[in-house]
């Protein structure tokens, strides 16, 4: 297994400032708005081509074959775009 660091992926100006859970979040909110994946997803892009960081591999990978499983929860057909792994 390869460790994927999913922390510090959102802008510091957003995390803890722009996105905060309400005091009664467990009963009034459908999602944790302090989750960094949510914060990255909500950040608007100023250009038609953009990237949304999910995580980082902070080391070197040994030569070989790797399998990656990706779940497509939001098909690109909704926005006539493309998706890729960078």
Protein backbone atom coordinates (compact mmCIF):
# COMPACT_ATOMS: atom_id res chain seq x y z
CA UNK A 1 0.00 0.00 0.00
CA UNK A 2 1.12 3.52 -0.75
CA UNK A 3 0.46 6.27 1.76
CA UNK A 4 -1.35 9.25 0.28
CA UNK A 5 -1.07 12.38 2.43
CA UNK A 6 -4.48 14.06 2.36
CA UNK A 7 -3.65 16.88 4.80
CA UNK A 8 -2.73 20.46 3.96
CA UNK A 9 -4.38 20.20 0.54
CA UNK A 10 -6.61 23.27 0.90
CA UNK A 11 -5.60 26.91 0.91
CA UNK A 12 -4.75 28.25 4.37
CA UNK A 13 -7.05 31.21 3.68
CA UNK A 14 -9.98 28.78 3.39
CA UNK A 15 -9.26 26.18 6.09
CA UNK A 16 -10.50 27.29 9.49
CA UNK A 17 -11.56 30.70 8.23
CA UNK A 18 -13.96 30.56 5.32
CA UNK A 19 -15.31 27.09 6.08
CA UNK A 20 -16.44 26.33 9.63
CA UNK A 21 -18.99 23.87 10.96
CA UNK A 22 -21.96 25.30 12.83
CA UNK A 23 -22.26 24.60 16.54
CA UNK A 24 -25.11 22.16 15.82
CA UNK A 25 -23.49 20.74 12.66
CA UNK A 26 -24.28 17.11 13.46
CA UNK A 27 -28.01 17.80 13.15
CA UNK A 28 -28.13 20.63 10.59
CA UNK A 29 -25.35 20.00 8.05
CA UNK A 30 -25.19 17.13 5.57
CA UNK A 31 -21.40 17.34 5.22
CA UNK A 32 -18.39 18.33 7.30
CA UNK A 33 -17.50 21.69 5.73
CA UNK A 34 -14.13 21.63 7.51
CA UNK A 35 -13.14 18.51 5.54
CA UNK A 36 -10.24 19.53 3.28
CA UNK A 37 -11.55 17.54 0.31
CA UNK A 38 -14.81 19.50 0.52
CA UNK A 39 -12.91 22.80 0.82
CA UNK A 40 -10.80 22.01 -2.26
CA UNK A 41 -13.92 20.95 -4.22
CA UNK A 42 -15.72 24.20 -3.33
CA UNK A 43 -12.83 26.49 -4.38
CA UNK A 44 -13.92 28.16 -7.62
CA UNK A 45 -11.53 28.14 -10.54
CA UNK A 46 -10.71 31.33 -12.37
CA UNK A 47 -9.74 29.48 -15.54
CA UNK A 48 -11.40 26.81 -17.71
CA UNK A 49 -8.58 24.34 -17.01
CA UNK A 50 -7.86 23.59 -13.37
CA UNK A 51 -6.73 20.93 -10.89
CA UNK A 52 -8.26 19.89 -7.60
CA UNK A 53 -5.65 18.35 -5.31
CA UNK A 54 -6.76 15.15 -3.54
CA UNK A 55 -3.49 14.20 -1.88
CA UNK A 56 0.26 13.80 -2.29
CA UNK A 57 2.67 10.88 -2.42
CA UNK A 58 5.54 12.24 -0.35
CA UNK A 59 8.31 9.91 -1.30
CA UNK A 60 9.64 7.90 -4.16
CA UNK A 61 7.82 5.03 -5.77
CA UNK A 62 9.67 1.85 -6.55
CA UNK A 63 9.67 0.77 -10.17
CA UNK A 64 6.79 -1.56 -10.95
CA UNK A 65 3.10 -1.74 -11.72
CA UNK A 66 0.47 -0.10 -9.57
CA UNK A 67 -3.31 -0.42 -9.51
CA UNK A 68 -5.45 2.64 -8.79
CA UNK A 69 -9.18 2.46 -8.09
CA UNK A 70 -11.14 5.60 -8.95
CA UNK A 71 -14.83 6.08 -8.25
CA UNK A 72 -16.58 8.47 -10.63
CA UNK A 73 -19.17 10.17 -8.43
CA UNK A 74 -19.54 13.17 -10.72
CA UNK A 75 -19.46 12.27 -14.42
CA UNK A 76 -17.72 14.77 -16.69
CA UNK A 77 -20.69 14.72 -19.07
CA UNK A 78 -22.43 17.19 -16.73
CA UNK A 79 -19.92 19.90 -17.59
CA UNK A 80 -18.55 18.67 -20.94
CA UNK A 81 -15.02 18.41 -19.53
CA UNK A 82 -12.25 15.94 -18.91
CA UNK A 83 -10.74 14.30 -15.87
CA UNK A 84 -7.23 12.97 -15.43
CA UNK A 85 -4.77 11.77 -12.81
CA UNK A 86 -1.66 13.93 -12.69
